[in-house]
Amino acid sequence: MGCCKNHSCVCACRHCCSHDTSQSSSGAGITGPTGPMGPAGPAGPAGKDGTAVAQGATGPTGPTGPTGPTGATGATGATGTGATGPTGATGPAGADGKTGATGATGATGATGTGATGPTGATGPAGADGKTGATGATGPTGATGTGATGPTGATGPAGADGKTGATGATGATGATGTGATGPTGATGPTGISIASIKLTTDANGRVTGGTATMSDNTTVPITVG
């Protein structure tokens, strides 16, 4: 249960507030002991009884009450059961006999409906009696004041703060673009086959030949 901040109010339990004057510039001091309870103020005189008044006249008859509950549902009619149809004739040997048709289902019985109960009459409302006058409030008791406790000793120095978190990684630098190097010198023209001359035997089988290159050199062709 808290006390007022101005150190002059009385708490609900009639204890006085403790003056928080133990704070010093060098650290939090120890709170002094609570002062003794102040004497209780005298009780106020009892309020007078309210004056009895005559009972009010009977009020008018209230509106018609709600409709009574619905009557119980009548019993369900008996369920009809159709007769089972005859069994089909047995087929010739080797074939399975056919099953006879199922008889029709009987009709469902009608649902019964109970009669609605009568509406009950509403009773008259009684008049409210007047409230008696409130008794006078007794005087407030004197406020007790406890002595201020001594100033507490200076607390030890606080621990060092934690190391701060690592900063975020910087953005990646832009990709550099080097200048295009000079075009290399044109290589020599490759040598290709200009023509081929084959030699054959008496049976027309290729036995060899000579390939003439684009630089007019010749290369022998050997058939394995």
Protein backbone atom coordinates (compact mmCIF):
# COMPACT_ATOMS: atom_id res chain seq x y z
CA MET A 1 0.00 0.00 0.00
CA GLY A 2 1.69 3.22 -1.18
CA CYS A 3 1.89 6.63 0.57
CA CYS A 4 1.41 10.08 -0.97
CA LYS A 5 4.41 11.78 -2.60
CA ASN A 6 4.09 15.00 -0.53
CA HIS A 7 4.80 13.15 2.76
CA SER A 8 1.79 14.68 4.52
CA CYS A 9 -1.13 12.31 3.80
CA VAL A 10 -2.39 9.47 5.98
CA CYS A 11 -2.39 5.96 4.43
CA ALA A 12 -5.51 3.79 4.58
CA CYS A 13 -4.02 1.75 7.42
CA ARG A 14 -3.42 5.09 9.37
CA HIS A 15 0.40 4.62 9.22
CA CYS A 16 2.40 7.68 8.42
CA CYS A 17 4.45 7.95 5.24
CA SER A 18 8.23 7.48 5.47
CA HIS A 19 10.15 10.51 4.26
CA ASP A 20 12.55 9.39 1.50
CA THR A 21 15.39 11.78 2.40
CA SER A 22 18.12 9.13 2.46
CA GLN A 23 19.16 9.65 -1.22
CA SER A 24 22.62 11.14 -1.52
CA SER A 25 24.72 12.19 -4.45
CA SER A 26 27.23 9.38 -3.76
CA GLY A 27 24.79 6.34 -3.83
CA ALA A 28 21.50 4.91 -2.53
CA GLY A 29 21.26 5.13 1.26
CA ILE A 30 19.48 2.73 3.64
CA THR A 31 15.87 3.73 4.49
CA GLY A 32 15.37 4.65 8.09
CA PRO A 33 12.88 2.85 10.40
CA THR A 34 9.16 3.72 10.23
CA GLY A 35 7.97 6.19 12.84
CA PRO A 36 5.38 5.22 15.48
CA MET A 37 1.66 5.22 14.60
CA GLY A 38 -0.18 8.42 15.29
CA PRO A 39 -3.19 8.33 17.63
CA ALA A 40 -6.53 7.42 16.03
CA GLY A 41 -9.02 10.25 15.60
CA PRO A 42 -12.31 10.01 17.54
CA ALA A 43 -15.17 8.18 15.82
CA GLY A 44 -17.84 10.36 14.24
CA PRO A 45 -21.39 10.26 15.69
CA ALA A 46 -23.76 7.64 14.25
CA GLY A 47 -26.04 8.85 11.48
CA LYS A 48 -29.75 9.16 12.21
CA ASP A 49 -32.13 6.55 10.96
CA GLY A 50 -34.01 7.44 7.79
CA THR A 51 -37.67 8.44 8.11
CA ALA A 52 -40.03 5.63 7.24
CA VAL A 53 -42.51 6.47 4.49
CA ALA A 54 -45.79 4.91 3.63
CA GLN A 55 -45.77 2.12 1.11
CA GLY A 56 -46.50 3.31 -2.41
CA ALA A 57 -49.68 2.36 -4.20
CA THR A 58 -49.72 -0.88 -6.13
CA GLY A 59 -48.38 -0.39 -9.63
CA PRO A 60 -50.43 -1.16 -12.71
CA THR A 61 -50.58 -4.69 -13.98
CA GLY A 62 -47.49 -5.54 -16.03
CA PRO A 63 -47.62 -6.55 -19.69
CA THR A 64 -48.57 -10.05 -20.69
CA GLY A 65 -45.78 -12.53 -20.01
CA PRO A 66 -43.95 -14.40 -22.78
CA THR A 67 -45.53 -17.40 -24.49
CA GLY A 68 -45.23 -20.60 -22.51
CA PRO A 69 -42.87 -23.34 -23.65
CA THR A 70 -43.82 -25.51 -26.61
CA GLY A 71 -45.51 -28.76 -25.68
CA ALA A 72 -43.59 -32.00 -25.93
CA THR A 73 -43.29 -33.57 -29.38
CA GLY A 74 -45.72 -36.40 -29.96
CA ALA A 75 -44.45 -39.93 -30.24
CA THR A 76 -42.96 -40.96 -33.57
CA GLY A 77 -45.20 -43.19 -35.65
CA ALA A 78 -44.17 -46.80 -36.12
CA THR A 79 -41.74 -47.41 -38.95
CA GLY A 80 -43.28 -49.36 -41.81
CA THR A 81 -41.34 -52.38 -43.09
CA GLY A 82 -42.01 -53.70 -46.56
CA ALA A 83 -42.06 -57.45 -47.10
CA THR A 84 -38.94 -58.97 -48.65
CA GLY A 85 -39.40 -59.92 -52.25
CA PRO A 86 -39.21 -63.57 -53.30
CA THR A 87 -35.89 -65.18 -54.09
CA GLY A 88 -35.12 -65.39 -57.79
CA ALA A 89 -35.10 -68.73 -59.58
CA THR A 90 -31.86 -70.65 -59.77
CA GLY A 91 -30.14 -70.32 -63.11
CA PRO A 92 -28.82 -73.16 -65.19
CA ALA A 93 -25.87 -75.21 -63.96
CA GLY A 94 -22.60 -73.30 -63.90
CA ALA A 95 -24.19 -69.81 -63.64
CA ASP A 96 -24.91 -68.02 -60.31
CA GLY A 97 -28.59 -67.60 -59.43
CA LYS A 98 -29.96 -64.00 -59.44
CA THR A 99 -31.00 -62.34 -56.16
CA GLY A 100 -34.65 -61.38 -55.89
CA ALA A 101 -35.57 -57.65 -55.77
CA THR A 102 -35.77 -55.94 -52.30
CA GLY A 103 -39.27 -55.10 -51.11
CA ALA A 104 -40.35 -51.43 -50.96
CA THR A 105 -39.75 -49.49 -47.66
CA GLY A 106 -42.87 -48.70 -45.63
CA ALA A 107 -43.99 -45.06 -45.23
CA THR A 108 -42.66 -43.01 -42.24
CA GLY A 109 -45.20 -42.29 -39.46
CA ALA A 110 -46.44 -38.68 -39.04
CA THR A 111 -44.75 -36.46 -36.40
CA GLY A 112 -46.98 -35.59 -33.40
CA THR A 113 -47.31 -31.95 -32.22
CA GLY A 114 -48.09 -31.06 -28.58
CA ALA A 115 -50.46 -28.16 -27.70
CA THR A 116 -48.94 -24.81 -26.47
CA GLY A 117 -49.17 -24.24 -22.68
CA PRO A 118 -51.14 -21.19 -21.28
CA THR A 119 -49.37 -17.88 -20.47
CA GLY A 120 -48.76 -17.16 -16.74
CA ALA A 121 -49.96 -13.80 -15.28
CA THR A 122 -47.33 -11.21 -14.16
CA GLY A 123 -47.47 -10.13 -10.47
CA PRO A 124 -47.57 -6.39 -9.48
CA ALA A 125 -44.29 -4.59 -8.71
CA GLY A 126 -43.77 -3.30 -5.13
CA ALA A 127 -42.71 0.37 -4.50
CA ASP A 128 -39.11 1.12 -3.36
CA GLY A 129 -38.60 2.57 0.17
CA LYS A 130 -36.64 5.87 0.63
CA THR A 131 -32.97 5.79 1.66
CA GLY A 132 -32.10 7.13 5.13
CA ALA A 133 -29.80 10.19 5.50
CA THR A 134 -26.02 9.59 5.67
CA GLY A 135 -24.38 10.13 9.08
CA ALA A 136 -21.78 12.92 9.49
CA THR A 137 -18.11 12.02 8.88
CA GLY A 138 -15.89 11.93 11.99
CA PRO A 139 -12.81 14.24 12.18
CA THR A 140 -9.51 13.07 10.71
CA GLY A 141 -6.94 11.77 13.23
CA ALA A 142 -3.62 13.62 13.69
CA THR A 143 -0.78 12.62 11.35
CA GLY A 144 2.18 10.87 13.04
CA THR A 145 5.70 11.67 11.80
CA GLY A 146 8.57 9.16 12.13
CA ALA A 147 12.19 10.31 12.55
CA THR A 148 14.38 10.36 9.45
CA GLY A 149 16.88 7.45 9.30
CA PRO A 150 20.63 8.09 8.94
CA THR A 151 22.22 8.39 5.51
CA GLY A 152 23.35 5.01 4.13
CA ALA A 153 26.95 4.23 3.22
CA THR A 154 28.09 4.72 -0.38
CA GLY A 155 27.52 1.56 -2.46
CA PRO A 156 30.35 -0.17 -4.35
CA ALA A 157 31.23 0.93 -7.88
CA GLY A 158 29.16 -0.69 -10.62
CA ALA A 159 30.65 -3.33 -12.93
CA ASP A 160 32.06 -2.29 -16.32
CA GLY A 161 29.52 -2.22 -19.13
CA LYS A 162 29.46 -4.97 -21.74
CA THR A 163 31.33 -4.58 -25.01
CA GLY A 164 29.12 -3.18 -27.74
CA ALA A 165 27.99 -5.38 -30.62
CA THR A 166 30.10 -5.52 -33.81
CA GLY A 167 29.00 -2.99 -36.39
CA ALA A 168 27.31 -4.09 -39.59
CA THR A 169 29.51 -5.09 -42.56
CA GLY A 170 29.96 -2.32 -45.11
CA ALA A 171 28.45 -2.61 -48.58
CA THR A 172 30.47 -4.40 -51.30
CA GLY A 173 32.35 -2.04 -53.58
CA ALA A 174 31.41 -1.73 -57.24
CA THR A 175 33.08 -4.13 -59.71
CA GLY A 176 35.94 -2.45 -61.61
CA THR A 177 36.08 -2.65 -65.42
CA GLY A 178 39.53 -2.75 -67.07
CA ALA A 179 40.18 -1.30 -70.51
CA THR A 180 40.14 -3.73 -73.47
CA GLY A 181 43.62 -4.81 -74.54
CA PRO A 182 44.92 -4.28 -78.13
CA THR A 183 44.01 -6.76 -80.86
CA GLY A 184 46.68 -9.43 -81.43
CA ALA A 185 48.49 -9.81 -84.75
CA THR A 186 46.85 -12.00 -87.40
CA GLY A 187 48.23 -15.55 -87.41
CA PRO A 188 49.57 -17.26 -90.54
CA THR A 189 47.06 -18.82 -92.93
CA GLY A 190 46.55 -22.53 -92.29
CA ILE A 191 47.49 -25.18 -94.91
CA SER A 192 44.65 -27.14 -96.45
CA ILE A 193 44.36 -29.98 -98.98
CA ALA A 194 44.01 -28.58 -102.50
CA SER A 195 43.58 -31.91 -104.36
CA ILE A 196 43.92 -35.66 -103.98
CA LYS A 197 45.15 -38.15 -106.62
CA LEU A 198 44.53 -41.86 -105.89
CA THR A 199 46.15 -44.94 -107.45
CA THR A 200 44.33 -48.27 -107.95
CA ASP A 201 45.35 -51.83 -108.83
CA ALA A 202 43.98 -54.03 -111.67
CA ASN A 203 40.92 -54.85 -109.55
CA GLY A 204 40.08 -51.18 -108.97
CA ARG A 205 41.18 -51.32 -105.32
CA VAL A 206 42.78 -48.08 -103.98
CA THR A 207 46.38 -48.79 -103.07
CA GLY A 208 47.60 -45.24 -102.32
CA GLY A 209 47.85 -41.77 -103.74
CA THR A 210 49.14 -38.23 -103.35
CA ALA A 211 47.55 -35.19 -101.67
CA THR A 212 48.52 -31.75 -102.98
CA MET A 213 48.40 -29.04 -100.26
CA SER A 214 47.49 -25.35 -100.66
CA ASP A 215 51.18 -24.42 -100.46
CA ASN A 216 51.86 -26.76 -103.45
CA THR A 217 53.59 -29.36 -101.28
CA THR A 218 52.60 -33.02 -101.64
CA VAL A 219 51.86 -35.66 -99.04
CA PRO A 220 51.80 -39.39 -99.90
CA ILE A 221 48.58 -41.33 -99.10
CA THR A 222 49.08 -44.82 -97.74
CA VAL A 223 46.35 -47.46 -97.65
CA GLY A 224 46.75 -49.99 -94.88
